[in-house]
């Protein structure tokens, strides 16, 4: 069974930073574009960032550009999301997912893809 396990969420003050990690249970994920999504209370899940299998291409939703950075380590089967300058609007459950398909700058989980269980990020004002 394929698993994506997130970690690194928590409570942080506005302006602070967090780094999320996603561990993939299968090395086949190193061949895929992987992504991060988030879902705030009462809102739909939205795309945050994605990274190509080689790491050469990265994608971000406009609201996090310049603040968030996605990276990966294919040797360790890991994907990361460094989040800086956090604000209360970033409060959400963050999900690792893949493989991700990109269309018009927005990522979506492919039909054969998987979600992680999510990790809560809470930013206090």
PDB file of N, CA and C in Angstrom:
ATOM      1  N   UNK A   1       0.845  -1.192   0.000  1.00  0.00           N
ATOM      2  CA  UNK A   1       0.000   0.000   0.000  1.00  0.00           C
ATOM      3  C   UNK A   1       0.880   1.241   0.000  1.00  0.00           C
ATOM      4  N   UNK A   2       0.531   2.170  -0.854  1.00  0.00           N
ATOM      5  CA  UNK A   2       1.305   3.405  -0.958  1.00  0.00           C
ATOM      6  C   UNK A   2       0.909   4.337   0.177  1.00  0.00           C
ATOM      7  N   UNK A   3       1.904   4.944   0.786  1.00  0.00           N
ATOM      8  CA  UNK A   3       1.635   5.899   1.853  1.00  0.00           C
ATOM      9  C   UNK A   3       2.432   7.172   1.647  1.00  0.00           C
ATOM     10  N   UNK A   4       1.769   8.283   1.949  1.00  0.00           N
ATOM     11  CA  UNK A   4       2.429   9.579   2.029  1.00  0.00           C
ATOM     12  C   UNK A   4       2.172  10.084   3.436  1.00  0.00           C
ATOM     13  N   UNK A   5       3.228  10.358   4.170  1.00  0.00           N
ATOM     14  CA  UNK A   5       3.091  10.748   5.564  1.00  0.00           C
ATOM     15  C   UNK A   5       3.717  12.119   5.769  1.00  0.00           C
ATOM     16  N   UNK A   6       2.862  13.070   6.162  1.00  0.00           N
ATOM     17  CA  UNK A   6       3.331  14.434   6.401  1.00  0.00           C
ATOM     18  C   UNK A   6       3.734  14.617   7.863  1.00  0.00           C
ATOM     19  N   UNK A   7       4.608  15.559   8.081  1.00  0.00           N
ATOM     20  CA  UNK A   7       4.996  15.966   9.428  1.00  0.00           C
ATOM     21  C   UNK A   7       5.470  17.412   9.387  1.00  0.00           C
ATOM     22  N   UNK A   8       5.579  18.014  10.560  1.00  0.00           N
ATOM     23  CA  UNK A   8       6.133  19.357  10.644  1.00  0.00           C
ATOM     24  C   UNK A   8       5.134  20.462  10.882  1.00  0.00           C
ATOM     25  N   UNK A   9       3.851  20.132  10.900  1.00  0.00           N
ATOM     26  CA  UNK A   9       2.854  21.156  11.171  1.00  0.00           C
ATOM     27  C   UNK A   9       2.898  21.599  12.632  1.00  0.00           C
ATOM     28  N   UNK A  10       2.120  22.636  12.935  1.00  0.00           N
ATOM     29  CA  UNK A  10       2.076  23.121  14.307  1.00  0.00           C
ATOM     30  C   UNK A  10       1.507  24.507  14.383  1.00  0.00           C
ATOM     31  N   UNK A  11       1.693  25.129  15.548  1.00  0.00           N
ATOM     32  CA  UNK A  11       1.216  26.473  15.814  1.00  0.00           C
ATOM     33  C   UNK A  11       2.380  27.443  15.741  1.00  0.00           C
ATOM     34  N   UNK A  12       2.215  28.518  14.993  1.00  0.00           N
ATOM     35  CA  UNK A  12       3.275  29.511  14.839  1.00  0.00           C
ATOM     36  C   UNK A  12       2.654  30.895  14.803  1.00  0.00           C
ATOM     37  N   UNK A  13       3.398  31.873  15.250  1.00  0.00           N
ATOM     38  CA  UNK A  13       2.913  33.249  15.196  1.00  0.00           C
ATOM     39  C   UNK A  13       3.074  33.817  13.796  1.00  0.00           C
ATOM     40  N   UNK A  14       2.251  34.795  13.494  1.00  0.00           N
ATOM     41  CA  UNK A  14       2.349  35.470  12.203  1.00  0.00           C
ATOM     42  C   UNK A  14       3.773  35.984  11.995  1.00  0.00           C
ATOM     43  N   UNK A  15       4.269  35.797  10.785  1.00  0.00           N
ATOM     44  CA  UNK A  15       5.638  36.170  10.464  1.00  0.00           C
ATOM     45  C   UNK A  15       6.639  35.053  10.669  1.00  0.00           C
ATOM     46  N   UNK A  16       6.210  33.971  11.288  1.00  0.00           N
ATOM     47  CA  UNK A  16       7.094  32.853  11.570  1.00  0.00           C
ATOM     48  C   UNK A  16       7.227  31.898  10.401  1.00  0.00           C
ATOM     49  N   UNK A  17       7.947  30.806  10.656  1.00  0.00           N
ATOM     50  CA  UNK A  17       8.242  29.823   9.619  1.00  0.00           C
ATOM     51  C   UNK A  17       7.978  28.413  10.111  1.00  0.00           C
ATOM     52  N   UNK A  18       7.653  27.546   9.171  1.00  0.00           N
ATOM     53  CA  UNK A  18       7.530  26.115   9.419  1.00  0.00           C
ATOM     54  C   UNK A  18       8.054  25.389   8.199  1.00  0.00           C
ATOM     55  N   UNK A  19       8.540  24.167   8.418  1.00  0.00           N
ATOM     56  CA  UNK A  19       8.941  23.311   7.300  1.00  0.00           C
ATOM     57  C   UNK A  19       8.185  22.009   7.397  1.00  0.00           C
ATOM     58  N   UNK A  20       7.390  21.737   6.372  1.00  0.00           N
ATOM     59  CA  UNK A  20       6.652  20.486   6.290  1.00  0.00           C
ATOM     60  C   UNK A  20       7.471  19.450   5.536  1.00  0.00           C
ATOM     61  N   UNK A  21       7.324  18.209   5.957  1.00  0.00           N
ATOM     62  CA  UNK A  21       7.999  17.099   5.294  1.00  0.00           C
ATOM     63  C   UNK A  21       6.974  16.054   4.887  1.00  0.00           C
ATOM     64  N   UNK A  22       7.255  15.374   3.803  1.00  0.00           N
ATOM     65  CA  UNK A  22       6.386  14.308   3.309  1.00  0.00           C
ATOM     66  C   UNK A  22       7.268  13.125   2.958  1.00  0.00           C
ATOM     67  N   UNK A  23       6.997  12.001   3.603  1.00  0.00           N
ATOM     68  CA  UNK A  23       7.745  10.774   3.342  1.00  0.00           C
ATOM     69  C   UNK A  23       6.895   9.853   2.488  1.00  0.00           C
ATOM     70  N   UNK A  24       7.439   9.406   1.367  1.00  0.00           N
ATOM     71  CA  UNK A  24       6.745   8.488   0.472  1.00  0.00           C
ATOM     72  C   UNK A  24       7.236   7.072   0.725  1.00  0.00           C
ATOM     73  N   UNK A  25       6.307   6.145   0.739  1.00  0.00           N
ATOM     74  CA  UNK A  25       6.665   4.772   1.084  1.00  0.00           C
ATOM     75  C   UNK A  25       7.233   3.997  -0.081  1.00  0.00           C
ATOM     76  N   UNK A  26       7.075   4.533  -1.296  1.00  0.00           N
ATOM     77  CA  UNK A  26       7.593   3.844  -2.465  1.00  0.00           C
ATOM     78  C   UNK A  26       8.514   4.724  -3.277  1.00  0.00           C
ATOM     79  N   UNK A  27       9.573   4.139  -3.753  1.00  0.00           N
ATOM     80  CA  UNK A  27      10.547   4.909  -4.526  1.00  0.00           C
ATOM     81  C   UNK A  27      10.004   5.331  -5.880  1.00  0.00           C
ATOM     82  N   UNK A  28       8.882   4.703  -6.321  1.00  0.00           N
ATOM     83  CA  UNK A  28       8.305   5.086  -7.614  1.00  0.00           C
ATOM     84  C   UNK A  28       7.862   6.541  -7.612  1.00  0.00           C
ATOM     85  N   UNK A  29       7.619   7.105  -6.439  1.00  0.00           N
ATOM     86  CA  UNK A  29       7.209   8.505  -6.381  1.00  0.00           C
ATOM     87  C   UNK A  29       8.320   9.437  -6.823  1.00  0.00           C
ATOM     88  N   UNK A  30       9.532   8.949  -6.859  1.00  0.00           N
ATOM     89  CA  UNK A  30      10.614   9.807  -7.337  1.00  0.00           C
ATOM     90  C   UNK A  30      10.469  10.110  -8.823  1.00  0.00           C
ATOM     91  N   UNK A  31       9.609   9.371  -9.527  1.00  0.00           N
ATOM     92  CA  UNK A  31       9.396   9.606 -10.953  1.00  0.00           C
ATOM     93  C   UNK A  31       8.267  10.593 -11.221  1.00  0.00           C
ATOM     94  N   UNK A  32       7.583  11.049 -10.169  1.00  0.00           N
ATOM     95  CA  UNK A  32       6.380  11.847 -10.335  1.00  0.00           C
ATOM     96  C   UNK A  32       6.553  13.301  -9.928  1.00  0.00           C
ATOM     97  N   UNK A  33       5.741  14.151 -10.536  1.00  0.00           N
ATOM     98  CA  UNK A  33       5.559  15.486  -9.976  1.00  0.00           C
ATOM     99  C   UNK A  33       4.765  15.334  -8.679  1.00  0.00           C
ATOM    100  N   UNK A  34       5.275  15.927  -7.613  1.00  0.00           N
ATOM    101  CA  UNK A  34       4.630  15.849  -6.306  1.00  0.00           C
ATOM    102  C   UNK A  34       4.168  17.235  -5.886  1.00  0.00           C
ATOM    103  N   UNK A  35       3.175  17.273  -5.026  1.00  0.00           N
ATOM    104  CA  UNK A  35       2.646  18.578  -4.662  1.00  0.00           C
ATOM    105  C   UNK A  35       2.158  18.686  -3.234  1.00  0.00           C
ATOM    106  N   UNK A  36       1.873  19.914  -2.865  1.00  0.00           N
ATOM    107  CA  UNK A  36       1.245  20.235  -1.584  1.00  0.00           C
ATOM    108  C   UNK A  36      -0.058  20.974  -1.859  1.00  0.00           C
ATOM    109  N   UNK A  37      -1.062  20.604  -1.091  1.00  0.00           N
ATOM    110  CA  UNK A  37      -2.366  21.237  -1.152  1.00  0.00           C
ATOM    111  C   UNK A  37      -2.750  21.624   0.272  1.00  0.00           C
ATOM    112  N   UNK A  38      -3.762  22.473   0.407  1.00  0.00           N
ATOM    113  CA  UNK A  38      -4.226  22.830   1.747  1.00  0.00           C
ATOM    114  C   UNK A  38      -5.737  23.033   1.732  1.00  0.00           C
ATOM    115  N   UNK A  39      -6.313  22.830   2.906  1.00  0.00           N
ATOM    116  CA  UNK A  39      -7.754  23.031   3.059  1.00  0.00           C
ATOM    117  C   UNK A  39      -8.016  23.754   4.364  1.00  0.00           C
ATOM    118  N   UNK A  40      -8.543  24.952   4.247  1.00  0.00           N
ATOM    119  CA  UNK A  40      -8.923  25.744   5.412  1.00  0.00           C
ATOM    120  C   UNK A  40     -10.354  25.406   5.810  1.00  0.00           C
ATOM    121  N   UNK A  41     -10.721  25.660   7.045  1.00  0.00           N
ATOM    122  CA  UNK A  41     -12.088  25.351   7.499  1.00  0.00           C
ATOM    123  C   UNK A  41     -13.133  26.032   6.622  1.00  0.00           C
ATOM    124  N   UNK A  42     -14.098  25.246   6.165  1.00  0.00           N
ATOM    125  CA  UNK A  42     -15.174  25.790   5.363  1.00  0.00           C
ATOM    126  C   UNK A  42     -14.818  26.091   3.920  1.00  0.00           C
ATOM    127  N   UNK A  43     -13.608  25.726   3.519  1.00  0.00           N
ATOM    128  CA  UNK A  43     -13.182  26.008   2.139  1.00  0.00           C
ATOM    129  C   UNK A  43     -12.798  24.719   1.432  1.00  0.00           C
ATOM    130  N   UNK A  44     -12.733  24.810   0.118  1.00  0.00           N
ATOM    131  CA  UNK A  44     -12.313  23.665  -0.671  1.00  0.00           C
ATOM    132  C   UNK A  44     -10.792  23.497  -0.594  1.00  0.00           C
ATOM    133  N   UNK A  45     -10.355  22.269  -0.827  1.00  0.00           N
ATOM    134  CA  UNK A  45      -8.923  22.015  -0.884  1.00  0.00           C
ATOM    135  C   UNK A  45      -8.338  22.743  -2.095  1.00  0.00           C
ATOM    136  N   UNK A  46      -7.189  23.384  -1.878  1.00  0.00           N
ATOM    137  CA  UNK A  46      -6.584  24.150  -2.966  1.00  0.00           C
ATOM    138  C   UNK A  46      -5.128  23.776  -3.172  1.00  0.00           C
ATOM    139  N   UNK A  47      -4.686  23.983  -4.384  1.00  0.00           N
ATOM    140  CA  UNK A  47      -3.296  23.739  -4.756  1.00  0.00           C
ATOM    141  C   UNK A  47      -2.393  24.793  -4.123  1.00  0.00           C
ATOM    142  N   UNK A  48      -1.230  24.353  -3.629  1.00  0.00           N
ATOM    143  CA  UNK A  48      -0.263  25.277  -3.038  1.00  0.00           C
ATOM    144  C   UNK A  48       1.030  25.305  -3.854  1.00  0.00           C
ATOM    145  N   UNK A  49       1.612  24.132  -4.075  1.00  0.00           N
ATOM    146  CA  UNK A  49       2.904  24.083  -4.757  1.00  0.00           C
ATOM    147  C   UNK A  49       3.127  22.690  -5.326  1.00  0.00           C
ATOM    148  N   UNK A  50       3.986  22.614  -6.343  1.00  0.00           N
ATOM    149  CA  UNK A  50       4.348  21.326  -6.923  1.00  0.00           C
ATOM    150  C   UNK A  50       5.779  21.382  -7.422  1.00  0.00           C
ATOM    151  N   UNK A  51       6.372  20.201  -7.551  1.00  0.00           N
ATOM    152  CA  UNK A  51       7.754  20.091  -8.004  1.00  0.00           C
ATOM    153  C   UNK A  51       7.871  18.899  -8.936  1.00  0.00           C
ATOM    154  N   UNK A  52       8.552  19.094 -10.051  1.00  0.00           N
ATOM    155  CA  UNK A  52       8.733  18.013 -11.016  1.00  0.00           C
ATOM    156  C   UNK A  52       9.640  16.931 -10.437  1.00  0.00           C
ATOM    157  N   UNK A  53       9.680  15.790 -11.108  1.00  0.00           N
ATOM    158  CA  UNK A  53      10.422  14.656 -10.558  1.00  0.00           C
ATOM    159  C   UNK A  53      11.896  14.975 -10.365  1.00  0.00           C
ATOM    160  N   UNK A  54      12.443  15.788 -11.240  1.00  0.00           N
ATOM    161  CA  UNK A  54      13.867  16.115 -11.140  1.00  0.00           C
ATOM    162  C   UNK A  54      14.127  17.306 -10.233  1.00  0.00           C
ATOM    163  N   UNK A  55      13.066  18.020  -9.899  1.00  0.00           N
ATOM    164  CA  UNK A  55      13.242  19.240  -9.127  1.00  0.00           C
ATOM    165  C   UNK A  55      13.548  20.455  -9.965  1.00  0.00           C
ATOM    166  N   UNK A  56      13.608  20.279 -11.274  1.00  0.00           N
ATOM    167  CA  UNK A  56      13.987  21.394 -12.143  1.00  0.00           C
ATOM    168  C   UNK A  56      12.855  22.383 -12.369  1.00  0.00           C
ATOM    169  N   UNK A  57      11.623  21.934 -12.158  1.00  0.00           N
ATOM    170  CA  UNK A  57      10.467  22.824 -12.327  1.00  0.00           C
ATOM    171  C   UNK A  57       9.663  22.864 -11.035  1.00  0.00           C
ATOM    172  N   UNK A  58       9.333  24.074 -10.620  1.00  0.00           N
ATOM    173  CA  UNK A  58       8.503  24.253  -9.437  1.00  0.00           C
ATOM    174  C   UNK A  58       7.356  25.182  -9.783  1.00  0.00           C
ATOM    175  N   UNK A  59       6.258  25.020  -9.078  1.00  0.00           N
ATOM    176  CA  UNK A  59       5.036  25.767  -9.342  1.00  0.00           C
ATOM    177  C   UNK A  59       4.433  26.193  -8.006  1.00  0.00           C
ATOM    178  N   UNK A  60       3.881  27.395  -7.991  1.00  0.00           N
ATOM    179  CA  UNK A  60       3.269  27.917  -6.772  1.00  0.00           C
ATOM    180  C   UNK A  60       1.976  28.648  -7.095  1.00  0.00           C
ATOM    181  N   UNK A  61       1.033  28.553  -6.174  1.00  0.00           N
ATOM    182  CA  UNK A  61      -0.121  29.413  -6.295  1.00  0.00           C
ATOM    183  C   UNK A  61       0.306  30.842  -5.952  1.00  0.00           C
ATOM    184  N   UNK A  62      -0.377  31.815  -6.501  1.00  0.00           N
ATOM    185  CA  UNK A  62       0.071  33.204  -6.375  1.00  0.00           C
ATOM    186  C   UNK A  62       0.213  33.654  -4.922  1.00  0.00           C
ATOM    187  N   UNK A  63      -0.657  33.195  -4.060  1.00  0.00           N
ATOM    188  CA  UNK A  63      -0.676  33.703  -2.687  1.00  0.00           C
ATOM    189  C   UNK A  63       0.539  33.285  -1.865  1.00  0.00           C
ATOM    190  N   UNK A  64       1.309  32.305  -2.336  1.00  0.00           N
ATOM    191  CA  UNK A  64       2.466  31.852  -1.560  1.00  0.00           C
ATOM    192  C   UNK A  64       3.789  32.145  -2.262  1.00  0.00           C
ATOM    193  N   UNK A  65       3.741  32.665  -3.466  1.00  0.00           N
ATOM    194  CA  UNK A  65       4.978  32.956  -4.204  1.00  0.00           C
ATOM    195  C   UNK A  65       5.848  33.940  -3.416  1.00  0.00           C
ATOM    196  N   UNK A  66       7.127  33.608  -3.337  1.00  0.00           N
ATOM    197  CA  UNK A  66       8.064  34.447  -2.606  1.00  0.00           C
ATOM    198  C   UNK A  66       8.122  34.144  -1.123  1.00  0.00           C
ATOM    199  N   UNK A  67       7.184  33.341  -0.624  1.00  0.00           N
ATOM    200  CA  UNK A  67       7.169  32.979   0.803  1.00  0.00           C
ATOM    201  C   UNK A  67       7.407  31.492   1.031  1.00  0.00           C
ATOM    202  N   UNK A  68       6.873  30.651   0.160  1.00  0.00           N
ATOM    203  CA  UNK A  68       6.990  29.202   0.292  1.00  0.00           C
ATOM    204  C   UNK A  68       8.001  28.675  -0.722  1.00  0.00           C
ATOM    205  N   UNK A  69       8.647  27.571  -0.347  1.00  0.00           N
ATOM    206  CA  UNK A  69       9.599  26.930  -1.245  1.00  0.00           C
ATOM    207  C   UNK A  69       9.436  25.415  -1.160  1.00  0.00           C
ATOM    208  N   UNK A  70       9.209  24.779  -2.307  1.00  0.00           N
ATOM    209  CA  UNK A  70       9.068  23.331  -2.353  1.00  0.00           C
ATOM    210  C   UNK A  70      10.373  22.718  -2.833  1.00  0.00           C
ATOM    211  N   UNK A  71      10.719  21.581  -2.260  1.00  0.00           N
ATOM    212  CA  UNK A  71      11.934  20.875  -2.650  1.00  0.00           C
ATOM    213  C   UNK A  71      11.725  19.383  -2.453  1.00  0.00           C
ATOM    214  N   UNK A  72      12.675  18.602  -2.929  1.00  0.00           N
ATOM    215  CA  UNK A  72      12.565  17.149  -2.774  1.00  0.00           C
ATOM    216  C   UNK A  72      13.942  16.531  -2.683  1.00  0.00           C
ATOM    217  N   UNK A  73      13.977  15.352  -2.078  1.00  0.00           N
ATOM    218  CA  UNK A  73      15.199  14.547  -1.993  1.00  0.00           C
ATOM    219  C   UNK A  73      14.819  13.153  -2.452  1.00  0.00           C
ATOM    220  N   UNK A  74      15.123  12.826  -3.692  1.00  0.00           N
ATOM    221  CA  UNK A  74      14.694  11.540  -4.262  1.00  0.00           C
ATOM    222  C   UNK A  74      15.460  10.356  -3.677  1.00  0.00           C
ATOM    223  N   UNK A  75      16.587  10.587  -3.095  1.00  0.00           N
ATOM    224  CA  UNK A  75      17.323   9.495  -2.440  1.00  0.00           C
ATOM    225  C   UNK A  75      16.574   9.063  -1.177  1.00  0.00           C
ATOM    226  N   UNK A  76      16.004  10.031  -0.479  1.00  0.00           N
ATOM    227  CA  UNK A  76      15.285   9.746   0.758  1.00  0.00           C
ATOM    228  C   UNK A  76      13.776   9.595   0.554  1.00  0.00           C
ATOM    229  N   UNK A  77      13.303   9.730  -0.690  1.00  0.00           N
ATOM    230  CA  UNK A  77      11.855   9.676  -0.978  1.00  0.00           C
ATOM    231  C   UNK A  77      11.097  10.725  -0.164  1.00  0.00           C
ATOM    232  N   UNK A  78      11.608  11.940  -0.132  1.00  0.00           N
ATOM    233  CA  UNK A  78      11.035  13.007   0.675  1.00  0.00           C
ATOM    234  C   UNK A  78      10.684  14.221  -0.189  1.00  0.00           C
ATOM    235  N   UNK A  79       9.615  14.899   0.212  1.00  0.00           N
ATOM    236  CA  UNK A  79       9.235  16.176  -0.376  1.00  0.00           C
ATOM    237  C   UNK A  79       9.044  17.161   0.783  1.00  0.00           C
ATOM    238  N   UNK A  80       9.476  18.400   0.575  1.00  0.00           N
ATOM    239  CA  UNK A  80       9.435  19.389   1.640  1.00  0.00           C
ATOM    240  C   UNK A  80       8.692  20.649   1.191  1.00  0.00           C
ATOM    241  N   UNK A  81       8.163  21.361   2.178  1.00  0.00           N
ATOM    242  CA  UNK A  81       7.573  22.674   1.915  1.00  0.00           C
ATOM    243  C   UNK A  81       8.054  23.622   3.007  1.00  0.00           C
ATOM    244  N   UNK A  82       8.961  24.505   2.640  1.00  0.00           N
ATOM    245  CA  UNK A  82       9.438  25.536   3.563  1.00  0.00           C
ATOM    246  C   UNK A  82       8.491  26.717   3.471  1.00  0.00           C
ATOM    247  N   UNK A  83       7.919  27.100   4.613  1.00  0.00           N
ATOM    248  CA  UNK A  83       6.937  28.181   4.635  1.00  0.00           C
ATOM    249  C   UNK A  83       7.463  29.308   5.513  1.00  0.00           C
ATOM    250  N   UNK A  84       7.662  30.467   4.900  1.00  0.00           N
ATOM    251  CA  UNK A  84       8.156  31.644   5.607  1.00  0.00           C
ATOM    252  C   UNK A  84       7.115  32.756   5.579  1.00  0.00           C
ATOM    253  N   UNK A  85       7.291  33.727   6.438  1.00  0.00           N
ATOM    254  CA  UNK A  85       6.385  34.885   6.497  1.00  0.00           C
ATOM    255  C   UNK A  85       4.933  34.447   6.560  1.00  0.00           C
ATOM    256  N   UNK A  86       4.668  33.493   7.415  1.00  0.00           N
ATOM    257  CA  UNK A  86       3.315  32.947   7.516  1.00  0.00           C
ATOM    258  C   UNK A  86       2.343  33.991   8.049  1.00  0.00           C
ATOM    259  N   UNK A  87       1.120  33.932   7.579  1.00  0.00           N
ATOM    260  CA  UNK A  87       0.071  34.810   8.056  1.00  0.00           C
ATOM    261  C   UNK A  87      -1.168  33.971   8.379  1.00  0.00           C
ATOM    262  N   UNK A  88      -2.106  34.527   9.121  1.00  0.00           N
ATOM    263  CA  UNK A  88      -3.276  33.727   9.543  1.00  0.00           C
ATOM    264  C   UNK A  88      -4.049  33.106   8.388  1.00  0.00           C
ATOM    265  N   UNK A  89      -3.991  33.704   7.194  1.00  0.00           N
ATOM    266  CA  UNK A  89      -4.684  33.143   6.032  1.00  0.00           C
ATOM    267  C   UNK A  89      -4.048  31.840   5.558  1.00  0.00           C
ATOM    268  N   UNK A  90      -2.868  31.524   6.053  1.00  0.00           N
ATOM    269  CA  UNK A  90      -2.211  30.260   5.704  1.00  0.00           C
ATOM    270  C   UNK A  90      -2.665  29.113   6.607  1.00  0.00           C
ATOM    271  N   UNK A  91      -3.478  29.412   7.597  1.00  0.00           N
ATOM    272  CA  UNK A  91      -3.982  28.375   8.494  1.00  0.00           C
ATOM    273  C   UNK A  91      -4.830  27.372   7.717  1.00  0.00           C
ATOM    274  N   UNK A  92      -4.475  26.098   7.821  1.00  0.00           N
ATOM    275  CA  UNK A  92      -5.160  25.048   7.062  1.00  0.00           C
ATOM    276  C   UNK A  92      -4.547  23.698   7.416  1.00  0.00           C
ATOM    277  N   UNK A  93      -5.198  22.656   6.949  1.00  0.00           N
ATOM    278  CA  UNK A  93      -4.581  21.334   6.940  1.00  0.00           C
ATOM    279  C   UNK A  93      -3.836  21.209   5.618  1.00  0.00           C
ATOM    280  N   UNK A  94      -2.581  20.859   5.698  1.00  0.00           N
ATOM    281  CA  UNK A  94      -1.732  20.743   4.510  1.00  0.00           C
ATOM    282  C   UNK A  94      -1.559  19.269   4.153  1.00  0.00           C
ATOM    283  N   UNK A  95      -1.751  18.978   2.853  1.00  0.00           N
ATOM    284  CA  UNK A  95      -1.686  17.616   2.372  1.00  0.00           C
ATOM    285  C   UNK A  95      -0.582  17.479   1.327  1.00  0.00           C
ATOM    286  N   UNK A  96       0.184  16.426   1.476  1.00  0.00           N
ATOM    287  CA  UNK A  96       1.120  16.020   0.434  1.00  0.00           C
ATOM    288  C   UNK A  96       0.361  15.125  -0.542  1.00  0.00           C
ATOM    289  N   UNK A  97       0.681  15.205  -1.813  1.00  0.00           N
ATOM    290  CA  UNK A  97      -0.053  14.411  -2.783  1.00  0.00           C
ATOM    291  C   UNK A  97       0.794  14.144  -4.022  1.00  0.00           C
ATOM    292  N   UNK A  98       0.469  13.065  -4.699  1.00  0.00           N
ATOM    293  CA  UNK A  98       1.120  12.778  -5.961  1.00  0.00           C
ATOM    294  C   UNK A  98       0.669  11.454  -6.507  1.00  0.00           C
ATOM    295  N   UNK A  99       0.868  11.247  -7.827  1.00  0.00           N
ATOM    296  CA  UNK A  99       1.406  12.252  -8.725  1.00  0.00           C
ATOM    297  C   UNK A  99       0.408  13.379  -9.028  1.00  0.00           C
ATOM    298  N   UNK A 100       0.953  14.539  -9.346  1.00  0.00           N
ATOM    299  CA  UNK A 100       0.191  15.747  -9.622  1.00  0.00           C
ATOM    300  C   UNK A 100       0.324  16.107 -11.091  1.00  0.00           C
ATOM    301  N   UNK A 101      -0.782  16.523 -11.693  1.00  0.00           N
ATOM    302  CA  UNK A 101      -0.786  17.015 -13.058  1.00  0.00           C
ATOM    303  C   UNK A 101      -0.942  18.537 -13.028  1.00  0.00           C
ATOM    304  N   UNK A 102      -0.145  19.215 -13.819  1.00  0.00           N
ATOM    305  CA  UNK A 102      -0.207  20.676 -13.882  1.00  0.00           C
ATOM    306  C   UNK A 102      -0.997  21.107 -15.120  1.00  0.00           C
ATOM    307  N   UNK A 103      -1.862  22.090 -14.927  1.00  0.00           N
ATOM    308  CA  UNK A 103      -2.665  22.614 -16.034  1.00  0.00           C
ATOM    309  C   UNK A 103      -2.884  24.092 -15.794  1.00  0.00           C
ATOM    310  N   UNK A 104      -2.318  24.907 -16.652  1.00  0.00           N
ATOM    311  CA  UNK A 104      -2.499  26.350 -16.501  1.00  0.00           C
ATOM    312  C   UNK A 104      -1.953  26.885 -15.200  1.00  0.00           C
ATOM    313  N   UNK A 105      -0.901  26.282 -14.692  1.00  0.00           N
ATOM    314  CA  UNK A 105      -0.285  26.755 -13.457  1.00  0.00           C
ATOM    315  C   UNK A 105      -0.949  26.256 -12.193  1.00  0.00           C
ATOM    316  N   UNK A 106      -1.971  25.437 -12.338  1.00  0.00           N
ATOM    317  CA  UNK A 106      -2.670  24.881 -11.179  1.00  0.00           C
ATOM    318  C   UNK A 106      -2.500  23.374 -11.167  1.00  0.00           C
ATOM    319  N   UNK A 107      -2.160  22.829 -10.019  1.00  0.00           N
ATOM    320  CA  UNK A 107      -1.978  21.395  -9.915  1.00  0.00           C
ATOM    321  C   UNK A 107      -3.232  20.699  -9.422  1.00  0.00           C
ATOM    322  N   UNK A 108      -3.385  19.471  -9.861  1.00  0.00           N
ATOM    323  CA  UNK A 108      -4.468  18.636  -9.367  1.00  0.00           C
ATOM    324  C   UNK A 108      -3.951  17.219  -9.228  1.00  0.00           C
ATOM    325  N   UNK A 109      -4.523  16.481  -8.311  1.00  0.00           N
ATOM    326  CA  UNK A 109      -4.104  15.108  -8.119  1.00  0.00           C
ATOM    327  C   UNK A 109      -4.570  14.260  -9.299  1.00  0.00           C
ATOM    328  N   UNK A 110      -3.676  13.474  -9.847  1.00  0.00           N
ATOM    329  CA  UNK A 110      -4.066  12.567 -10.920  1.00  0.00           C
ATOM    330  C   UNK A 110      -5.008  11.498 -10.398  1.00  0.00           C
ATOM    331  N   UNK A 111      -5.745  10.882 -11.307  1.00  0.00           N
ATOM    332  CA  UNK A 111      -6.725   9.860 -10.920  1.00  0.00           C
ATOM    333  C   UNK A 111      -6.060   8.671 -10.216  1.00  0.00           C
ATOM    334  N   UNK A 112      -4.798   8.430 -10.554  1.00  0.00           N
ATOM    335  CA  UNK A 112      -4.082   7.313  -9.925  1.00  0.00           C
ATOM    336  C   UNK A 112      -3.231   7.782  -8.755  1.00  0.00           C
ATOM    337  N   UNK A 113      -3.531   8.968  -8.227  1.00  0.00           N
ATOM    338  CA  UNK A 113      -2.702   9.554  -7.191  1.00  0.00           C
ATOM    339  C   UNK A 113      -3.173   9.252  -5.778  1.00  0.00           C
ATOM    340  N   UNK A 114      -2.381   9.747  -4.831  1.00  0.00           N
ATOM    341  CA  UNK A 114      -2.620   9.486  -3.414  1.00  0.00           C
ATOM    342  C   UNK A 114      -2.507  10.786  -2.615  1.00  0.00           C
ATOM    343  N   UNK A 115      -3.290  10.833  -1.539  1.00  0.00           N
ATOM    344  CA  UNK A 115      -3.194  11.912  -0.563  1.00  0.00           C
ATOM    345  C   UNK A 115      -2.508  11.402   0.695  1.00  0.00           C
ATOM    346  N   UNK A 116      -1.792  12.288   1.358  1.00  0.00           N
ATOM    347  CA  UNK A 116      -1.365  11.997   2.698  1.00  0.00           C
ATOM    348  C   UNK A 116      -2.508  12.257   3.661  1.00  0.00           C
ATOM    349  N   UNK A 117      -2.244  12.025   4.941  1.00  0.00           N
ATOM    350  CA  UNK A 117      -3.311  12.179   5.939  1.00  0.00           C
ATOM    351  C   UNK A 117      -3.498  13.626   6.366  1.00  0.00           C
ATOM    352  N   UNK A 118      -2.538  14.476   6.046  1.00  0.00           N
ATOM    353  CA  UNK A 118      -2.634  15.895   6.362  1.00  0.00           C
ATOM    354  C   UNK A 118      -1.949  16.259   7.666  1.00  0.00           C
ATOM    355  N   UNK A 119      -1.474  17.495   7.724  1.00  0.00           N
ATOM    356  CA  UNK A 119      -0.874  18.019   8.943  1.00  0.00           C
ATOM    357  C   UNK A 119      -1.394  19.435   9.154  1.00  0.00           C
ATOM    358  N   UNK A 120      -1.788  19.754  10.372  1.00  0.00           N
ATOM    359  CA  UNK A 120      -2.405  21.036  10.686  1.00  0.00           C
ATOM    360  C   UNK A 120      -1.349  22.126  10.843  1.00  0.00           C
ATOM    361  N   UNK A 121      -1.586  23.229  10.179  1.00  0.00           N
ATOM    362  CA  UNK A 121      -0.770  24.434  10.350  1.00  0.00           C
ATOM    363  C   UNK A 121      -1.685  25.542  10.841  1.00  0.00           C
ATOM    364  N   UNK A 122      -1.361  26.106  11.987  1.00  0.00           N
ATOM    365  CA  UNK A 122      -2.160  27.185  12.558  1.00  0.00           C
ATOM    366  C   UNK A 122      -1.263  28.396  12.785  1.00  0.00           C
ATOM    367  N   UNK A 123      -1.665  29.518  12.203  1.00  0.00           N
ATOM    368  CA  UNK A 123      -0.892  30.751  12.322  1.00  0.00           C
ATOM    369  C   UNK A 123      -1.705  31.741  13.140  1.00  0.00           C
ATOM    370  N   UNK A 124      -1.162  32.142  14.267  1.00  0.00           N
ATOM    371  CA  UNK A 124      -1.862  33.079  15.137  1.00  0.00           C
ATOM    372  C   UNK A 124      -1.444  34.509  14.819  1.00  0.00           C
ATOM    373  N   UNK A 125      -2.389  35.416  15.008  1.00  0.00           N
ATOM    374  CA  UNK A 125      -2.111  36.834  14.693  1.00  0.00           C
ATOM    375  C   UNK A 125      -1.539  37.568  15.890  1.00  0.00           C
TER     376      UNK A 125
END
